[in-house]
């Protein structure tokens, strides 16, 4: 199994972080098997794009809430890492209380 669990939604409260605020969080390595996805479906085009970061952050966005790590944005990056047989992905982790 690639991820800890495949989810369908965002169970954590809204955080309203902007791209600028996300950019202030230093990226760290997160194990793929510690992540719970918040999407069941992936846009295959996003996965196959050579430079999928043109319109977004270079790093995945992860929410830590109630002891779980939720992959909010960057499913295509995480899946690409798994396909390359990597165990981790670089992500910005926002810890919610």
PDB file of N, CA and C in Angstrom:
ATOM      1  N   UNK A   1       0.841  -1.183   0.000  1.00  0.00           N
ATOM      2  CA  UNK A   1       0.000   0.000   0.000  1.00  0.00           C
ATOM      3  C   UNK A   1       0.886   1.245   0.000  1.00  0.00           C
ATOM      4  N   UNK A   2       0.523   2.196  -0.816  1.00  0.00           N
ATOM      5  CA  UNK A   2       1.318   3.419  -0.940  1.00  0.00           C
ATOM      6  C   UNK A   2       1.043   4.371   0.219  1.00  0.00           C
ATOM      7  N   UNK A   3      -0.241   4.616   0.484  1.00  0.00           N
ATOM      8  CA  UNK A   3      -0.646   5.570   1.512  1.00  0.00           C
ATOM      9  C   UNK A   3      -1.206   4.839   2.725  1.00  0.00           C
ATOM     10  N   UNK A   4      -1.260   5.546   3.842  1.00  0.00           N
ATOM     11  CA  UNK A   4      -1.835   4.966   5.052  1.00  0.00           C
ATOM     12  C   UNK A   4      -3.306   4.623   4.827  1.00  0.00           C
ATOM     13  N   UNK A   5      -3.998   5.566   4.171  1.00  0.00           N
ATOM     14  CA  UNK A   5      -5.418   5.380   3.904  1.00  0.00           C
ATOM     15  C   UNK A   5      -5.817   6.310   2.766  1.00  0.00           C
ATOM     16  N   UNK A   6      -6.814   5.903   2.003  1.00  0.00           N
ATOM     17  CA  UNK A   6      -7.356   6.746   0.940  1.00  0.00           C
ATOM     18  C   UNK A   6      -8.659   7.344   1.447  1.00  0.00           C
ATOM     19  N   UNK A   7      -8.672   8.653   1.553  1.00  0.00           N
ATOM     20  CA  UNK A   7      -9.867   9.350   2.021  1.00  0.00           C
ATOM     21  C   UNK A   7     -10.602  10.010   0.880  1.00  0.00           C
ATOM     22  N   UNK A   8     -11.770  10.563   1.195  1.00  0.00           N
ATOM     23  CA  UNK A   8     -12.604  11.215   0.185  1.00  0.00           C
ATOM     24  C   UNK A   8     -12.823  12.700   0.467  1.00  0.00           C
ATOM     25  N   UNK A   9     -12.416  13.149   1.632  1.00  0.00           N
ATOM     26  CA  UNK A   9     -12.721  14.533   2.001  1.00  0.00           C
ATOM     27  C   UNK A   9     -11.657  15.063   2.957  1.00  0.00           C
ATOM     28  N   UNK A  10     -11.850  16.296   3.342  1.00  0.00           N
ATOM     29  CA  UNK A  10     -10.958  16.961   4.298  1.00  0.00           C
ATOM     30  C   UNK A  10     -11.655  16.998   5.655  1.00  0.00           C
ATOM     31  N   UNK A  11     -11.292  16.095   6.565  1.00  0.00           N
ATOM     32  CA  UNK A  11     -11.985  16.030   7.850  1.00  0.00           C
ATOM     33  C   UNK A  11     -11.575  17.117   8.836  1.00  0.00           C
ATOM     34  N   UNK A  12     -10.535  17.844   8.542  1.00  0.00           N
ATOM     35  CA  UNK A  12     -10.034  18.896   9.424  1.00  0.00           C
ATOM     36  C   UNK A  12     -10.765  20.209   9.140  1.00  0.00           C
ATOM     37  N   UNK A  13     -10.730  21.142  10.101  1.00  0.00           N
ATOM     38  CA  UNK A  13     -11.418  22.428   9.891  1.00  0.00           C
ATOM     39  C   UNK A  13     -10.734  23.257   8.801  1.00  0.00           C
ATOM     40  N   UNK A  14     -11.484  24.156   8.160  1.00  0.00           N
ATOM     41  CA  UNK A  14     -10.888  25.022   7.137  1.00  0.00           C
ATOM     42  C   UNK A  14      -9.772  25.878   7.735  1.00  0.00           C
ATOM     43  N   UNK A  15      -8.720  26.082   6.978  1.00  0.00           N
ATOM     44  CA  UNK A  15      -7.585  26.850   7.499  1.00  0.00           C
ATOM     45  C   UNK A  15      -7.378  28.165   6.761  1.00  0.00           C
ATOM     46  N   UNK A  16      -7.878  28.292   5.572  1.00  0.00           N
ATOM     47  CA  UNK A  16      -7.820  29.527   4.779  1.00  0.00           C
ATOM     48  C   UNK A  16      -6.400  30.045   4.558  1.00  0.00           C
ATOM     49  N   UNK A  17      -5.425  29.146   4.508  1.00  0.00           N
ATOM     50  CA  UNK A  17      -4.054  29.544   4.207  1.00  0.00           C
ATOM     51  C   UNK A  17      -3.932  29.895   2.731  1.00  0.00           C
ATOM     52  N   UNK A  18      -3.232  30.982   2.442  1.00  0.00           N
ATOM     53  CA  UNK A  18      -2.989  31.393   1.064  1.00  0.00           C
ATOM     54  C   UNK A  18      -1.675  30.772   0.585  1.00  0.00           C
ATOM     55  N   UNK A  19      -1.449  30.821  -0.726  1.00  0.00           N
ATOM     56  CA  UNK A  19      -0.188  30.301  -1.281  1.00  0.00           C
ATOM     57  C   UNK A  19       1.012  31.004  -0.627  1.00  0.00           C
ATOM     58  N   UNK A  20       0.869  32.291  -0.365  1.00  0.00           N
ATOM     59  CA  UNK A  20       1.950  33.057   0.256  1.00  0.00           C
ATOM     60  C   UNK A  20       2.242  32.543   1.667  1.00  0.00           C
ATOM     61  N   UNK A  21       1.203  32.222   2.426  1.00  0.00           N
ATOM     62  CA  UNK A  21       1.386  31.686   3.778  1.00  0.00           C
ATOM     63  C   UNK A  21       1.980  30.286   3.734  1.00  0.00           C
ATOM     64  N   UNK A  22       1.532  29.457   2.789  1.00  0.00           N
ATOM     65  CA  UNK A  22       2.109  28.119   2.644  1.00  0.00           C
ATOM     66  C   UNK A  22       3.601  28.216   2.355  1.00  0.00           C
ATOM     67  N   UNK A  23       3.993  29.188   1.554  1.00  0.00           N
ATOM     68  CA  UNK A  23       5.393  29.332   1.165  1.00  0.00           C
ATOM     69  C   UNK A  23       6.300  29.630   2.362  1.00  0.00           C
ATOM     70  N   UNK A  24       5.747  30.132   3.446  1.00  0.00           N
ATOM     71  CA  UNK A  24       6.536  30.430   4.641  1.00  0.00           C
ATOM     72  C   UNK A  24       6.852  29.181   5.467  1.00  0.00           C
ATOM     73  N   UNK A  25       6.168  28.074   5.187  1.00  0.00           N
ATOM     74  CA  UNK A  25       6.403  26.822   5.914  1.00  0.00           C
ATOM     75  C   UNK A  25       7.539  26.068   5.237  1.00  0.00           C
ATOM     76  N   UNK A  26       8.582  25.801   5.979  1.00  0.00           N
ATOM     77  CA  UNK A  26       9.732  25.074   5.414  1.00  0.00           C
ATOM     78  C   UNK A  26       9.325  23.643   5.065  1.00  0.00           C
ATOM     79  N   UNK A  27       9.692  23.175   3.884  1.00  0.00           N
ATOM     80  CA  UNK A  27       9.348  21.797   3.521  1.00  0.00           C
ATOM     81  C   UNK A  27      10.162  20.777   4.309  1.00  0.00           C
ATOM     82  N   UNK A  28       9.573  19.617   4.501  1.00  0.00           N
ATOM     83  CA  UNK A  28      10.258  18.502   5.155  1.00  0.00           C
ATOM     84  C   UNK A  28       9.847  17.218   4.446  1.00  0.00           C
ATOM     85  N   UNK A  29      10.568  16.154   4.707  1.00  0.00           N
ATOM     86  CA  UNK A  29      10.225  14.876   4.098  1.00  0.00           C
ATOM     87  C   UNK A  29       9.143  14.193   4.922  1.00  0.00           C
ATOM     88  N   UNK A  30       8.153  13.677   4.229  1.00  0.00           N
ATOM     89  CA  UNK A  30       7.041  12.979   4.868  1.00  0.00           C
ATOM     90  C   UNK A  30       6.949  11.598   4.223  1.00  0.00           C
ATOM     91  N   UNK A  31       6.821  10.583   5.046  1.00  0.00           N
ATOM     92  CA  UNK A  31       6.681   9.218   4.529  1.00  0.00           C
ATOM     93  C   UNK A  31       5.319   9.061   3.848  1.00  0.00           C
ATOM     94  N   UNK A  32       5.325   8.456   2.682  1.00  0.00           N
ATOM     95  CA  UNK A  32       4.081   8.244   1.950  1.00  0.00           C
ATOM     96  C   UNK A  32       3.109   7.375   2.744  1.00  0.00           C
ATOM     97  N   UNK A  33       3.635   6.374   3.446  1.00  0.00           N
ATOM     98  CA  UNK A  33       2.746   5.474   4.177  1.00  0.00           C
ATOM     99  C   UNK A  33       2.216   6.073   5.484  1.00  0.00           C
ATOM    100  N   UNK A  34       2.556   7.336   5.758  1.00  0.00           N
ATOM    101  CA  UNK A  34       1.980   8.065   6.887  1.00  0.00           C
ATOM    102  C   UNK A  34       0.839   8.992   6.439  1.00  0.00           C
ATOM    103  N   UNK A  35       0.659   9.120   5.127  1.00  0.00           N
ATOM    104  CA  UNK A  35      -0.304  10.076   4.585  1.00  0.00           C
ATOM    105  C   UNK A  35      -1.681   9.467   4.364  1.00  0.00           C
ATOM    106  N   UNK A  36      -2.698  10.274   4.642  1.00  0.00           N
ATOM    107  CA  UNK A  36      -4.077   9.951   4.314  1.00  0.00           C
ATOM    108  C   UNK A  36      -4.467  10.910   3.198  1.00  0.00           C
ATOM    109  N   UNK A  37      -4.921  10.393   2.073  1.00  0.00           N
ATOM    110  CA  UNK A  37      -5.299  11.278   0.973  1.00  0.00           C
ATOM    111  C   UNK A  37      -6.653  11.925   1.263  1.00  0.00           C
ATOM    112  N   UNK A  38      -6.893  13.065   0.640  1.00  0.00           N
ATOM    113  CA  UNK A  38      -8.189  13.735   0.771  1.00  0.00           C
ATOM    114  C   UNK A  38      -8.952  13.684  -0.547  1.00  0.00           C
ATOM    115  N   UNK A  39      -8.387  13.001  -1.535  1.00  0.00           N
ATOM    116  CA  UNK A  39      -9.030  12.828  -2.843  1.00  0.00           C
ATOM    117  C   UNK A  39      -8.925  11.363  -3.239  1.00  0.00           C
ATOM    118  N   UNK A  40      -9.973  10.852  -3.826  1.00  0.00           N
ATOM    119  CA  UNK A  40      -9.959   9.487  -4.334  1.00  0.00           C
ATOM    120  C   UNK A  40      -9.459   9.430  -5.766  1.00  0.00           C
ATOM    121  N   UNK A  41      -9.665  10.512  -6.523  1.00  0.00           N
ATOM    122  CA  UNK A  41      -9.344  10.518  -7.950  1.00  0.00           C
ATOM    123  C   UNK A  41      -8.186  11.451  -8.253  1.00  0.00           C
ATOM    124  N   UNK A  42      -7.433  11.081  -9.256  1.00  0.00           N
ATOM    125  CA  UNK A  42      -6.278  11.861  -9.692  1.00  0.00           C
ATOM    126  C   UNK A  42      -6.465  12.245 -11.145  1.00  0.00           C
ATOM    127  N   UNK A  43      -6.143  13.461 -11.471  1.00  0.00           N
ATOM    128  CA  UNK A  43      -6.151  13.902 -12.860  1.00  0.00           C
ATOM    129  C   UNK A  43      -4.883  13.352 -13.505  1.00  0.00           C
ATOM    130  N   UNK A  44      -5.026  12.383 -14.382  1.00  0.00           N
ATOM    131  CA  UNK A  44      -3.880  11.720 -15.006  1.00  0.00           C
ATOM    132  C   UNK A  44      -2.989  12.708 -15.749  1.00  0.00           C
ATOM    133  N   UNK A  45      -3.580  13.750 -16.306  1.00  0.00           N
ATOM    134  CA  UNK A  45      -2.795  14.762 -17.008  1.00  0.00           C
ATOM    135  C   UNK A  45      -1.818  15.447 -16.056  1.00  0.00           C
ATOM    136  N   UNK A  46      -2.250  15.726 -14.827  1.00  0.00           N
ATOM    137  CA  UNK A  46      -1.376  16.353 -13.832  1.00  0.00           C
ATOM    138  C   UNK A  46      -0.223  15.432 -13.472  1.00  0.00           C
ATOM    139  N   UNK A  47      -0.487  14.126 -13.427  1.00  0.00           N
ATOM    140  CA  UNK A  47       0.566  13.167 -13.096  1.00  0.00           C
ATOM    141  C   UNK A  47       1.613  13.098 -14.191  1.00  0.00           C
ATOM    142  N   UNK A  48       1.176  13.166 -15.435  1.00  0.00           N
ATOM    143  CA  UNK A  48       2.078  12.962 -16.560  1.00  0.00           C
ATOM    144  C   UNK A  48       2.792  14.224 -17.021  1.00  0.00           C
ATOM    145  N   UNK A  49       2.336  15.388 -16.589  1.00  0.00           N
ATOM    146  CA  UNK A  49       2.992  16.634 -16.985  1.00  0.00           C
ATOM    147  C   UNK A  49       4.433  16.644 -16.502  1.00  0.00           C
ATOM    148  N   UNK A  50       5.322  17.042 -17.388  1.00  0.00           N
ATOM    149  CA  UNK A  50       6.741  17.079 -17.028  1.00  0.00           C
ATOM    150  C   UNK A  50       7.015  18.124 -15.957  1.00  0.00           C
ATOM    151  N   UNK A  51       6.393  19.295 -16.094  1.00  0.00           N
ATOM    152  CA  UNK A  51       6.562  20.360 -15.096  1.00  0.00           C
ATOM    153  C   UNK A  51       5.201  20.685 -14.504  1.00  0.00           C
ATOM    154  N   UNK A  52       4.774  19.879 -13.545  1.00  0.00           N
ATOM    155  CA  UNK A  52       3.438  20.056 -12.977  1.00  0.00           C
ATOM    156  C   UNK A  52       3.402  21.154 -11.925  1.00  0.00           C
ATOM    157  N   UNK A  53       4.497  21.843 -11.694  1.00  0.00           N
ATOM    158  CA  UNK A  53       4.531  22.879 -10.666  1.00  0.00           C
ATOM    159  C   UNK A  53       4.403  24.284 -11.251  1.00  0.00           C
ATOM    160  N   UNK A  54       4.129  24.403 -12.541  1.00  0.00           N
ATOM    161  CA  UNK A  54       4.084  25.712 -13.185  1.00  0.00           C
ATOM    162  C   UNK A  54       3.083  26.639 -12.502  1.00  0.00           C
ATOM    163  N   UNK A  55       1.908  26.116 -12.140  1.00  0.00           N
ATOM    164  CA  UNK A  55       0.867  26.952 -11.543  1.00  0.00           C
ATOM    165  C   UNK A  55       0.742  26.797 -10.039  1.00  0.00           C
ATOM    166  N   UNK A  56       1.566  25.963  -9.438  1.00  0.00           N
ATOM    167  CA  UNK A  56       1.399  25.721  -8.013  1.00  0.00           C
ATOM    168  C   UNK A  56       2.720  25.656  -7.276  1.00  0.00           C
ATOM    169  N   UNK A  57       2.648  25.181  -6.059  1.00  0.00           N
ATOM    170  CA  UNK A  57       3.804  25.056  -5.193  1.00  0.00           C
ATOM    171  C   UNK A  57       4.639  23.858  -5.633  1.00  0.00           C
ATOM    172  N   UNK A  58       5.924  23.955  -5.450  1.00  0.00           N
ATOM    173  CA  UNK A  58       6.833  22.856  -5.767  1.00  0.00           C
ATOM    174  C   UNK A  58       6.637  21.684  -4.811  1.00  0.00           C
ATOM    175  N   UNK A  59       6.117  21.957  -3.622  1.00  0.00           N
ATOM    176  CA  UNK A  59       5.980  20.938  -2.587  1.00  0.00           C
ATOM    177  C   UNK A  59       4.508  20.622  -2.320  1.00  0.00           C
ATOM    178  N   UNK A  60       4.263  19.387  -1.916  1.00  0.00           N
ATOM    179  CA  UNK A  60       2.916  18.981  -1.527  1.00  0.00           C
ATOM    180  C   UNK A  60       2.513  19.726  -0.253  1.00  0.00           C
ATOM    181  N   UNK A  61       1.207  19.833  -0.042  1.00  0.00           N
ATOM    182  CA  UNK A  61       0.681  20.467   1.173  1.00  0.00           C
ATOM    183  C   UNK A  61       0.023  19.392   2.028  1.00  0.00           C
ATOM    184  N   UNK A  62       0.468  19.318   3.280  1.00  0.00           N
ATOM    185  CA  UNK A  62      -0.020  18.312   4.215  1.00  0.00           C
ATOM    186  C   UNK A  62      -0.566  19.018   5.456  1.00  0.00           C
ATOM    187  N   UNK A  63      -1.703  18.540   5.931  1.00  0.00           N
ATOM    188  CA  UNK A  63      -2.296  19.062   7.156  1.00  0.00           C
ATOM    189  C   UNK A  63      -2.119  18.009   8.239  1.00  0.00           C
ATOM    190  N   UNK A  64      -1.521  18.402   9.368  1.00  0.00           N
ATOM    191  CA  UNK A  64      -1.446  17.510  10.523  1.00  0.00           C
ATOM    192  C   UNK A  64      -2.576  17.894  11.466  1.00  0.00           C
ATOM    193  N   UNK A  65      -3.470  16.935  11.711  1.00  0.00           N
ATOM    194  CA  UNK A  65      -4.628  17.205  12.556  1.00  0.00           C
ATOM    195  C   UNK A  65      -5.017  15.930  13.292  1.00  0.00           C
ATOM    196  N   UNK A  66      -5.131  16.040  14.607  1.00  0.00           N
ATOM    197  CA  UNK A  66      -5.512  14.917  15.471  1.00  0.00           C
ATOM    198  C   UNK A  66      -4.637  13.683  15.227  1.00  0.00           C
ATOM    199  N   UNK A  67      -3.336  13.915  15.092  1.00  0.00           N
ATOM    200  CA  UNK A  67      -2.392  12.818  14.967  1.00  0.00           C
ATOM    201  C   UNK A  67      -2.311  12.183  13.588  1.00  0.00           C
ATOM    202  N   UNK A  68      -3.035  12.715  12.617  1.00  0.00           N
ATOM    203  CA  UNK A  68      -3.012  12.187  11.251  1.00  0.00           C
ATOM    204  C   UNK A  68      -2.400  13.219  10.310  1.00  0.00           C
ATOM    205  N   UNK A  69      -1.790  12.739   9.244  1.00  0.00           N
ATOM    206  CA  UNK A  69      -1.231  13.596   8.206  1.00  0.00           C
ATOM    207  C   UNK A  69      -2.091  13.462   6.957  1.00  0.00           C
ATOM    208  N   UNK A  70      -2.757  14.554   6.585  1.00  0.00           N
ATOM    209  CA  UNK A  70      -3.662  14.551   5.435  1.00  0.00           C
ATOM    210  C   UNK A  70      -3.009  15.256   4.247  1.00  0.00           C
ATOM    211  N   UNK A  71      -2.958  14.576   3.138  1.00  0.00           N
ATOM    212  CA  UNK A  71      -2.387  15.132   1.912  1.00  0.00           C
ATOM    213  C   UNK A  71      -3.444  15.997   1.238  1.00  0.00           C
ATOM    214  N   UNK A  72      -3.367  17.303   1.487  1.00  0.00           N
ATOM    215  CA  UNK A  72      -4.376  18.224   0.971  1.00  0.00           C
ATOM    216  C   UNK A  72      -4.142  18.544  -0.502  1.00  0.00           C
ATOM    217  N   UNK A  73      -2.914  18.763  -0.877  1.00  0.00           N
ATOM    218  CA  UNK A  73      -2.592  19.130  -2.257  1.00  0.00           C
ATOM    219  C   UNK A  73      -1.270  18.460  -2.617  1.00  0.00           C
ATOM    220  N   UNK A  74      -1.204  17.894  -3.810  1.00  0.00           N
ATOM    221  CA  UNK A  74       0.034  17.271  -4.258  1.00  0.00           C
ATOM    222  C   UNK A  74      -0.070  15.766  -4.418  1.00  0.00           C
ATOM    223  N   UNK A  75      -1.296  15.270  -4.607  1.00  0.00           N
ATOM    224  CA  UNK A  75      -1.477  13.832  -4.805  1.00  0.00           C
ATOM    225  C   UNK A  75      -0.646  13.343  -5.983  1.00  0.00           C
ATOM    226  N   UNK A  76      -0.595  14.125  -7.057  1.00  0.00           N
ATOM    227  CA  UNK A  76       0.185  13.716  -8.227  1.00  0.00           C
ATOM    228  C   UNK A  76       1.677  13.644  -7.909  1.00  0.00           C
ATOM    229  N   UNK A  77       2.176  14.541  -7.056  1.00  0.00           N
ATOM    230  CA  UNK A  77       3.592  14.498  -6.670  1.00  0.00           C
ATOM    231  C   UNK A  77       3.882  13.255  -5.822  1.00  0.00           C
ATOM    232  N   UNK A  78       2.974  12.962  -4.894  1.00  0.00           N
ATOM    233  CA  UNK A  78       3.152  11.799  -4.028  1.00  0.00           C
ATOM    234  C   UNK A  78       3.098  10.505  -4.837  1.00  0.00           C
ATOM    235  N   UNK A  79       2.170  10.422  -5.760  1.00  0.00           N
ATOM    236  CA  UNK A  79       2.062   9.219  -6.576  1.00  0.00           C
ATOM    237  C   UNK A  79       3.270   9.077  -7.496  1.00  0.00           C
ATOM    238  N   UNK A  80       3.745  10.183  -8.027  1.00  0.00           N
ATOM    239  CA  UNK A  80       4.951  10.135  -8.867  1.00  0.00           C
ATOM    240  C   UNK A  80       6.141   9.643  -8.044  1.00  0.00           C
ATOM    241  N   UNK A  81       6.260  10.095  -6.801  1.00  0.00           N
ATOM    242  CA  UNK A  81       7.337   9.625  -5.921  1.00  0.00           C
ATOM    243  C   UNK A  81       7.219   8.117  -5.710  1.00  0.00           C
ATOM    244  N   UNK A  82       6.005   7.632  -5.487  1.00  0.00           N
ATOM    245  CA  UNK A  82       5.793   6.192  -5.293  1.00  0.00           C
ATOM    246  C   UNK A  82       6.174   5.410  -6.545  1.00  0.00           C
ATOM    247  N   UNK A  83       5.812   5.913  -7.705  1.00  0.00           N
ATOM    248  CA  UNK A  83       6.156   5.236  -8.960  1.00  0.00           C
ATOM    249  C   UNK A  83       7.662   5.191  -9.182  1.00  0.00           C
ATOM    250  N   UNK A  84       8.367   6.153  -8.604  1.00  0.00           N
ATOM    251  CA  UNK A  84       9.833   6.174  -8.685  1.00  0.00           C
ATOM    252  C   UNK A  84      10.458   5.393  -7.531  1.00  0.00           C
ATOM    253  N   UNK A  85       9.627   4.646  -6.810  1.00  0.00           N
ATOM    254  CA  UNK A  85      10.024   3.787  -5.697  1.00  0.00           C
ATOM    255  C   UNK A  85      10.678   4.548  -4.551  1.00  0.00           C
ATOM    256  N   UNK A  86      10.237   5.797  -4.362  1.00  0.00           N
ATOM    257  CA  UNK A  86      10.673   6.568  -3.201  1.00  0.00           C
ATOM    258  C   UNK A  86       9.661   6.366  -2.078  1.00  0.00           C
ATOM    259  N   UNK A  87      10.120   6.418  -0.856  1.00  0.00           N
ATOM    260  CA  UNK A  87       9.251   6.215   0.300  1.00  0.00           C
ATOM    261  C   UNK A  87       8.743   7.518   0.895  1.00  0.00           C
ATOM    262  N   UNK A  88       9.336   8.636   0.451  1.00  0.00           N
ATOM    263  CA  UNK A  88       8.977   9.935   1.020  1.00  0.00           C
ATOM    264  C   UNK A  88       8.683  10.946  -0.085  1.00  0.00           C
ATOM    265  N   UNK A  89       8.039  12.020   0.319  1.00  0.00           N
ATOM    266  CA  UNK A  89       7.789  13.158  -0.558  1.00  0.00           C
ATOM    267  C   UNK A  89       8.094  14.410   0.257  1.00  0.00           C
ATOM    268  N   UNK A  90       8.606  15.446  -0.401  1.00  0.00           N
ATOM    269  CA  UNK A  90       8.844  16.717   0.278  1.00  0.00           C
ATOM    270  C   UNK A  90       7.522  17.478   0.352  1.00  0.00           C
ATOM    271  N   UNK A  91       7.190  17.938   1.547  1.00  0.00           N
ATOM    272  CA  UNK A  91       5.906  18.608   1.744  1.00  0.00           C
ATOM    273  C   UNK A  91       6.033  19.721   2.773  1.00  0.00           C
ATOM    274  N   UNK A  92       5.132  20.673   2.656  1.00  0.00           N
ATOM    275  CA  UNK A  92       4.962  21.702   3.680  1.00  0.00           C
ATOM    276  C   UNK A  92       3.869  21.186   4.608  1.00  0.00           C
ATOM    277  N   UNK A  93       4.143  21.113   5.886  1.00  0.00           N
ATOM    278  CA  UNK A  93       3.190  20.544   6.842  1.00  0.00           C
ATOM    279  C   UNK A  93       2.628  21.657   7.722  1.00  0.00           C
ATOM    280  N   UNK A  94       1.308  21.834   7.664  1.00  0.00           N
ATOM    281  CA  UNK A  94       0.603  22.808   8.500  1.00  0.00           C
ATOM    282  C   UNK A  94      -0.031  22.058   9.657  1.00  0.00           C
ATOM    283  N   UNK A  95       0.348  22.428  10.870  1.00  0.00           N
ATOM    284  CA  UNK A  95      -0.185  21.761  12.065  1.00  0.00           C
ATOM    285  C   UNK A  95      -1.368  22.555  12.602  1.00  0.00           C
ATOM    286  N   UNK A  96      -2.537  21.940  12.568  1.00  0.00           N
ATOM    287  CA  UNK A  96      -3.747  22.580  13.072  1.00  0.00           C
ATOM    288  C   UNK A  96      -4.031  22.096  14.481  1.00  0.00           C
ATOM    289  N   UNK A  97      -4.553  22.990  15.309  1.00  0.00           N
ATOM    290  CA  UNK A  97      -4.904  22.665  16.696  1.00  0.00           C
ATOM    291  C   UNK A  97      -6.350  22.277  16.796  1.00  0.00           C
TER     292      UNK A  97
END
